[in-house]
Protein backbone atom coordinates (compact mmCIF):
# COMPACT_ATOMS: atom_id res chain seq x y z
CA MET A 1 136.87 128.17 115.02
CA ILE A 2 135.19 129.83 118.22
CA LEU A 3 134.76 127.01 120.43
CA PRO A 4 137.49 124.45 121.47
CA GLY A 5 137.24 121.05 119.90
CA TRP A 6 136.43 119.26 123.31
CA PHE A 7 133.52 121.43 123.86
CA LEU A 8 131.95 120.69 120.59
CA GLY A 9 132.63 116.98 120.96
CA GLY A 10 130.96 117.03 124.21
CA MET A 11 127.97 118.96 122.56
CA VAL A 12 127.84 115.95 120.03
CA LEU A 13 128.19 113.36 122.98
CA VAL A 14 125.32 115.02 125.01
CA GLY A 15 123.35 115.34 121.84
CA VAL A 16 123.74 111.65 120.84
CA LEU A 17 122.85 110.70 124.41
CA ILE A 18 119.74 112.61 124.52
CA VAL A 19 118.47 111.38 120.96
CA GLY A 20 119.44 107.88 122.37
CA LEU A 21 117.22 108.40 125.42
CA ILE A 22 114.37 109.60 123.06
CA LEU A 23 114.61 106.59 120.73
CA THR A 24 114.76 104.15 123.76
CA GLY A 25 111.56 105.58 125.10
CA VAL A 26 110.05 105.08 121.51
CA LEU A 27 111.39 101.82 121.08
CA LYS A 28 110.49 100.70 124.63
CA LEU A 29 106.83 101.13 123.59
CA LEU A 30 107.18 98.40 120.95
CA PHE A 31 109.79 96.11 122.38
CA LYS A 32 108.09 95.95 126.12
CA LYS A 33 109.96 92.96 127.30
CA THR A 34 113.35 94.04 126.39
CA SER A 35 115.00 96.19 129.08
CA PHE A 36 115.55 99.84 128.95
CA LEU A 37 119.38 99.71 129.18
CA ALA A 38 119.49 97.20 126.34
CA LEU A 39 117.68 99.36 124.09
CA PHE A 40 119.52 102.37 125.27
CA PHE A 41 123.07 100.94 124.33
CA ILE A 42 121.68 99.25 120.86
CA THR A 43 120.32 102.81 120.01
CA THR A 44 123.59 104.70 121.17
CA THR A 45 125.86 102.37 119.60
CA ALA A 46 123.82 102.74 116.22
CA ALA A 47 124.01 106.30 116.71
CA PHE A 48 127.90 106.49 117.07
CA LEU A 49 128.41 104.19 114.38
CA PHE A 50 126.56 106.32 111.94
CA LEU A 51 128.24 109.76 113.15
CA HIS A 52 131.61 107.83 112.68
CA TYR A 53 130.92 106.88 109.06
CA TYR A 54 129.37 110.19 108.36
CA PHE A 55 132.19 112.26 109.96
CA TYR A 56 135.17 110.25 109.01
CA SER A 57 133.98 109.45 105.22
CA PRO A 58 133.57 112.72 103.46
CA LYS A 59 132.04 112.79 99.92
CA LEU A 60 134.61 113.37 97.42
CA THR A 61 133.75 114.72 93.82
CA ILE A 62 136.45 114.26 91.22
CA THR A 63 136.33 117.17 88.54
CA VAL A 64 137.14 115.77 84.95
CA PRO A 65 138.11 117.96 82.24
CA ASN A 66 135.71 118.09 79.24
CA GLY A 67 136.92 115.84 76.31
CA TYR A 68 139.11 113.59 78.78
CA TYR A 69 138.50 109.91 78.13
CA GLY A 70 140.65 107.23 79.88
CA GLN A 71 141.55 105.86 83.32
CA ILE A 72 141.71 108.21 86.42
CA SER A 73 144.22 107.64 89.13
CA LEU A 74 144.06 109.04 92.59
CA LEU A 75 147.48 109.08 94.32
CA LYS A 76 148.49 109.33 97.67
CA SER A 77 150.45 112.62 97.91
CA ASN A 78 152.17 114.87 100.77
CA ALA A 79 149.53 117.46 99.91
CA SER A 80 147.90 119.41 102.98
CA ASN A 81 144.28 119.32 100.78
CA ASN A 82 142.85 116.80 98.28
CA ILE A 83 143.55 117.78 94.82
CA LEU A 84 140.52 116.40 93.07
CA THR A 85 140.68 118.18 89.75
CA VAL A 86 142.21 115.87 87.63
CA ASP A 87 144.79 117.07 85.32
CA SER A 88 145.05 116.18 81.61
CA ASN A 89 147.13 112.95 82.40
CA GLY A 90 144.33 111.80 84.43
CA ILE A 91 145.84 112.18 88.03
CA GLY A 92 144.37 113.69 91.24
CA TYR A 93 145.87 113.52 94.57
CA LEU A 94 144.83 112.49 97.77
CA THR A 95 145.99 113.45 101.34
CA LYS A 96 147.42 110.50 103.43
CA TRP A 97 144.43 110.65 105.74
CA THR A 98 141.81 110.53 103.05
CA PHE A 99 143.96 107.69 101.49
CA TYR A 100 143.80 105.28 104.37
CA LYS A 101 140.25 106.41 105.99
CA LEU A 102 137.65 106.92 102.98
CA TYR A 103 134.96 104.40 103.09
CA LEU A 104 132.79 105.82 100.01
CA LYS A 105 134.01 105.58 96.44
CA PRO A 106 134.37 109.00 94.97
CA THR A 107 131.90 110.39 92.21
CA ASP A 108 133.16 112.16 89.17
CA ARG A 109 131.72 115.55 87.74
CA ARG A 110 132.44 116.81 84.32
CA ILE A 111 133.39 120.54 83.77
């Protein structure tokens, strides 16, 4: 990476705050009796929840060999990367982080 992580995180934070201000301005036109700060906190909280879900739950695609029929098992392993190409025994391997932090169900793809 060219830029350090704290700088990229700061850019995302500033971006969310700017988008939150813009959305709050639009929502303020619709909800005139609600305070600006309340709408701002609601929009930024929704944006941060969406980003958390988007960044920390990657979409996984399981590759299944042609002609394989049966149950697929994803095991937690010490591997540094997810191994989602299922072997002939129907086993794929997930990293510890993916095993504990995944929100979405993986989808399968036939080769």
